[in-house]
Amino acid sequence: MPREETFFKALYTFDIGQNDLTQSLFLNMTIVQVIAAIPNTVNHFSDIIKNLYNLGARSFWVYNTRPLGCFPKILTSFPLAEKDSVGCAKPYNLLAQRFNAELKNALARLRIEFPLATIVYVDLYSALYSLYTHPTKNGFEHPLVACCGYGGKYNYSEEAICGGKISVNGKNITVGSCKDPSVRVSWDGVHFTEAANKFAFDLVSSGDFSDPPIPLNLTCHPR
């Protein structure tokens, strides 16, 4: 734990939404059921912010959730889902957008409640989605295909997860990486590659994807 006298100086970062949404989907909840649960999830998160504020925290940097419909795992698990113009599963991206809208509104309410706090909403979704709309322009290729995986259109299979063992033509092999992860967006069908994460971070740290538009290096400055 930090010392009490430095607790209020820290920047508290949150990356919320992805697991809440995807785990619900893979527990066989429908999209409608997941949407109905979003307010409760966001309210619980708001309570966490309030608790930290009451302990002395004043600076918060909150990432929204990612374009879930572009994940190889989602595309493989729900192959009949309607696709958008870049090949992502449209209903699951709309689900992520719904969550993000609720989160953004909740943070706006918290700013009113705690005017002495700096509470920044960071649109990670839009930063990452640009990798699917303009992959080549940004130095990437095959954005919907997992780098570390095996089989199928999206190089993803629940039976052949990254690092696991599978039998191919009677020979046991380890599911390994693609040749060059630095030009790939998805690492294992669920997580982004280091290169994709760096690309997104370089965009959002500028403040251009934030509300309010505060750069990361100024977020901890006293108001």
Protein backbone atom coordinates (compact mmCIF):
# COMPACT_ATOMS: atom_id res chain seq x y z
CA MET A 1 0.00 0.00 0.00
CA PRO A 2 1.22 3.54 -0.67
CA ARG A 3 2.00 5.84 2.22
CA GLU A 4 -0.98 7.87 3.36
CA GLU A 5 0.64 11.17 2.44
CA THR A 6 1.18 10.06 -1.19
CA PHE A 7 -2.12 8.25 -1.73
CA PHE A 8 -3.90 11.32 -3.11
CA LYS A 9 -1.05 12.07 -5.55
CA ALA A 10 -1.39 8.80 -7.47
CA LEU A 11 -3.17 8.21 -10.76
CA TYR A 12 -5.72 5.40 -10.47
CA THR A 13 -6.23 3.63 -13.80
CA PHE A 14 -9.10 1.30 -14.66
CA ASP A 15 -9.62 -1.02 -17.60
CA ILE A 16 -13.22 -2.16 -17.39
CA GLY A 17 -15.86 -3.98 -19.38
CA GLN A 18 -14.24 -6.68 -21.50
CA ASN A 19 -14.38 -9.54 -19.00
CA ASP A 20 -17.77 -8.48 -17.66
CA LEU A 21 -19.27 -8.69 -21.14
CA THR A 22 -17.43 -11.64 -22.64
CA GLN A 23 -17.74 -13.90 -19.61
CA SER A 24 -21.49 -13.27 -19.58
CA LEU A 25 -21.71 -14.16 -23.27
CA PHE A 26 -19.82 -17.40 -22.75
CA LEU A 27 -22.12 -18.29 -19.85
CA ASN A 28 -24.79 -18.46 -22.55
CA MET A 29 -26.46 -15.17 -21.71
CA THR A 30 -28.12 -13.47 -24.66
CA ILE A 31 -27.06 -10.00 -25.78
CA VAL A 32 -30.38 -8.67 -24.43
CA GLN A 33 -29.63 -10.21 -21.01
CA VAL A 34 -26.11 -8.80 -20.98
CA ILE A 35 -27.40 -5.32 -21.87
CA ALA A 36 -29.87 -5.52 -18.99
CA ALA A 37 -26.98 -6.21 -16.59
CA ILE A 38 -24.84 -3.27 -17.75
CA PRO A 39 -26.31 -0.62 -15.41
CA ASN A 40 -25.61 -2.79 -12.37
CA THR A 41 -22.02 -3.38 -13.50
CA VAL A 42 -21.42 0.33 -14.10
CA ASN A 43 -23.04 1.32 -10.81
CA HIS A 44 -20.80 -1.10 -8.96
CA PHE A 45 -17.79 0.45 -10.67
CA SER A 46 -18.98 3.94 -9.71
CA ASP A 47 -19.10 2.81 -6.09
CA ILE A 48 -15.45 1.76 -6.35
CA ILE A 49 -14.50 5.23 -7.61
CA LYS A 50 -16.46 6.80 -4.74
CA ASN A 51 -14.73 4.59 -2.18
CA LEU A 52 -11.30 5.52 -3.51
CA TYR A 53 -12.24 9.18 -3.52
CA ASN A 54 -13.32 8.93 0.11
CA LEU A 55 -9.93 7.42 0.91
CA GLY A 56 -8.21 10.42 -0.69
CA ALA A 57 -7.75 9.51 -4.36
CA ARG A 58 -8.30 12.42 -6.74
CA SER A 59 -7.04 11.38 -10.21
CA PHE A 60 -8.76 8.68 -12.26
CA TRP A 61 -8.00 7.45 -15.79
CA VAL A 62 -10.71 5.06 -17.03
CA TYR A 63 -10.43 3.05 -20.26
CA ASN A 64 -13.66 1.97 -21.92
CA THR A 65 -14.02 -1.50 -23.35
CA ARG A 66 -12.69 -2.72 -26.69
CA PRO A 67 -14.43 -3.60 -30.00
CA LEU A 68 -15.41 -7.09 -28.86
CA GLY A 69 -16.97 -7.99 -32.19
CA CYS A 70 -13.53 -7.92 -33.82
CA PHE A 71 -12.04 -10.57 -31.52
CA PRO A 72 -11.22 -13.86 -33.30
CA LYS A 73 -12.81 -15.72 -30.36
CA ILE A 74 -16.10 -13.85 -30.80
CA LEU A 75 -16.04 -14.23 -34.59
CA THR A 76 -15.38 -17.96 -34.26
CA SER A 77 -17.91 -18.55 -31.47
CA PHE A 78 -20.73 -16.62 -33.14
CA PRO A 79 -20.15 -17.20 -36.88
CA LEU A 80 -23.69 -16.25 -37.93
CA ALA A 81 -23.54 -12.77 -36.41
CA GLU A 82 -24.03 -9.90 -38.86
CA LYS A 83 -20.71 -8.41 -39.96
CA ASP A 84 -19.89 -4.74 -40.34
CA SER A 85 -17.93 -3.18 -43.20
CA VAL A 86 -14.56 -4.44 -41.90
CA GLY A 87 -15.73 -7.95 -41.01
CA CYS A 88 -16.32 -7.55 -37.27
CA ALA A 89 -19.42 -9.01 -35.61
CA LYS A 90 -21.73 -6.02 -35.50
CA PRO A 91 -24.04 -7.02 -32.59
CA TYR A 92 -21.08 -7.53 -30.26
CA ASN A 93 -19.51 -4.21 -31.14
CA LEU A 94 -22.87 -2.56 -30.53
CA LEU A 95 -22.92 -4.27 -27.14
CA ALA A 96 -19.50 -2.81 -26.33
CA GLN A 97 -20.68 0.62 -27.49
CA ARG A 98 -23.73 0.36 -25.23
CA PHE A 99 -21.52 -0.43 -22.26
CA ASN A 100 -19.19 2.44 -23.12
CA ALA A 101 -22.07 4.92 -23.34
CA GLU A 102 -23.30 3.87 -19.89
CA LEU A 103 -19.78 4.16 -18.49
CA LYS A 104 -19.24 7.60 -19.99
CA ASN A 105 -22.50 8.87 -18.52
CA ALA A 106 -21.64 7.43 -15.10
CA LEU A 107 -18.27 9.21 -15.10
CA ALA A 108 -19.95 12.47 -16.07
CA ARG A 109 -22.21 12.13 -13.04
CA LEU A 110 -19.21 11.45 -10.81
CA ARG A 111 -17.50 14.64 -12.04
CA ILE A 112 -20.52 16.61 -10.88
CA GLU A 113 -20.54 14.82 -7.53
CA PHE A 114 -16.78 15.22 -7.01
CA PRO A 115 -15.68 18.53 -8.61
CA LEU A 116 -12.25 18.33 -6.95
CA ALA A 117 -11.44 15.07 -8.74
CA THR A 118 -9.99 14.57 -12.22
CA ILE A 119 -11.99 11.76 -13.82
CA VAL A 120 -10.97 11.03 -17.41
CA TYR A 121 -12.94 8.76 -19.74
CA VAL A 122 -10.55 7.23 -22.30
CA ASP A 123 -12.02 5.99 -25.60
CA LEU A 124 -9.81 2.96 -26.14
CA TYR A 125 -12.53 1.43 -28.34
CA SER A 126 -12.11 4.06 -31.07
CA ALA A 127 -8.32 3.95 -30.94
CA LEU A 128 -8.27 0.18 -31.42
CA TYR A 129 -11.05 0.11 -34.00
CA SER A 130 -8.86 2.20 -36.30
CA LEU A 131 -6.62 -0.86 -36.57
CA TYR A 132 -9.49 -2.70 -38.24
CA THR A 133 -10.58 0.13 -40.52
CA HIS A 134 -7.07 1.08 -41.69
CA PRO A 135 -4.68 -1.76 -40.79
CA THR A 136 -2.19 -1.31 -43.65
CA LYS A 137 -2.00 2.46 -43.15
CA ASN A 138 -1.03 1.84 -39.52
CA GLY A 139 1.49 -0.91 -40.27
CA PHE A 140 -0.65 -3.97 -39.50
CA GLU A 141 -2.04 -6.90 -41.45
CA HIS A 142 -4.73 -9.58 -41.01
CA PRO A 143 -6.35 -7.71 -38.10
CA LEU A 144 -9.11 -10.30 -37.55
CA VAL A 145 -6.74 -13.29 -37.47
CA ALA A 146 -5.07 -14.40 -34.25
CA CYS A 147 -1.28 -14.53 -34.27
CA CYS A 148 -0.95 -17.36 -31.76
CA GLY A 149 -3.53 -20.00 -32.53
CA TYR A 150 -4.44 -22.82 -34.89
CA GLY A 151 -7.20 -23.54 -37.35
CA GLY A 152 -10.16 -21.91 -39.01
CA LYS A 153 -10.72 -18.60 -40.74
CA TYR A 154 -9.53 -16.59 -37.74
CA ASN A 155 -6.73 -18.94 -36.59
CA TYR A 156 -8.61 -19.55 -33.36
CA SER A 157 -10.06 -22.68 -31.80
CA GLU A 158 -11.09 -23.54 -28.26
CA GLU A 159 -9.37 -26.88 -28.78
CA ALA A 160 -6.09 -25.29 -29.91
CA ILE A 161 -5.40 -22.35 -27.66
CA CYS A 162 -2.12 -20.44 -27.71
CA GLY A 163 0.61 -22.44 -25.97
CA GLY A 164 -1.44 -25.61 -25.84
CA LYS A 165 -0.74 -29.02 -27.37
CA ILE A 166 -2.70 -30.46 -30.27
CA SER A 167 -2.40 -33.47 -32.55
CA VAL A 168 -2.02 -32.76 -36.28
CA ASN A 169 -1.80 -35.75 -38.62
CA GLY A 170 -0.81 -37.94 -35.72
CA LYS A 171 1.94 -35.60 -34.52
CA ASN A 172 1.79 -33.58 -31.30
CA ILE A 173 2.61 -29.91 -31.82
CA THR A 174 2.60 -26.80 -29.66
CA VAL A 175 0.30 -23.99 -30.77
CA GLY A 176 2.72 -21.14 -31.32
CA SER A 177 3.15 -17.63 -32.62
CA CYS A 178 2.89 -16.30 -36.13
CA LYS A 179 6.11 -15.23 -37.83
CA ASP A 180 5.89 -11.52 -37.02
CA PRO A 181 3.63 -10.47 -34.10
CA SER A 182 4.69 -6.82 -34.57
CA VAL A 183 2.36 -6.47 -37.57
CA ARG A 184 -0.58 -8.33 -36.04
CA VAL A 185 -3.47 -6.95 -34.01
CA SER A 186 -4.75 -9.99 -32.12
CA TRP A 187 -2.34 -12.10 -30.12
CA ASP A 188 -4.40 -15.13 -29.09
CA GLY A 189 -7.94 -14.34 -30.16
CA VAL A 190 -8.80 -12.47 -26.96
CA HIS A 191 -5.81 -10.26 -26.15
CA PHE A 192 -4.09 -7.68 -28.33
CA THR A 193 -0.46 -7.92 -29.35
CA GLU A 194 2.14 -5.72 -27.72
CA ALA A 195 2.36 -3.75 -30.98
CA ALA A 196 -1.40 -3.11 -31.08
CA ASN A 197 -1.46 -2.09 -27.42
CA LYS A 198 1.42 0.32 -27.98
CA PHE A 199 -0.31 1.80 -31.01
CA ALA A 200 -3.49 2.42 -29.01
CA PHE A 201 -1.63 3.77 -25.99
CA ASP A 202 0.29 6.26 -28.13
CA LEU A 203 -3.05 7.57 -29.40
CA VAL A 204 -4.95 7.77 -26.13
CA SER A 205 -2.09 9.12 -23.99
CA SER A 206 -2.24 12.36 -26.02
CA GLY A 207 -5.69 13.18 -24.65
CA ASP A 208 -7.24 13.25 -28.12
CA PHE A 209 -9.45 10.27 -27.25
CA SER A 210 -10.34 11.47 -23.75
CA ASP A 211 -13.23 13.27 -22.11
CA PRO A 212 -12.20 15.75 -20.86
CA PRO A 213 -9.29 15.97 -23.34
CA ILE A 214 -6.46 15.83 -20.79
CA PRO A 215 -3.14 14.20 -21.79
CA LEU A 216 -1.96 11.39 -19.57
CA ASN A 217 1.11 13.33 -18.38
CA LEU A 218 -1.12 16.13 -17.03
CA THR A 219 -3.75 13.98 -15.36
CA CYS A 220 -2.09 14.00 -11.92
CA HIS A 221 -1.51 17.75 -11.78
CA PRO A 222 -3.47 19.42 -8.97
CA ARG A 223 -6.59 21.26 -10.10
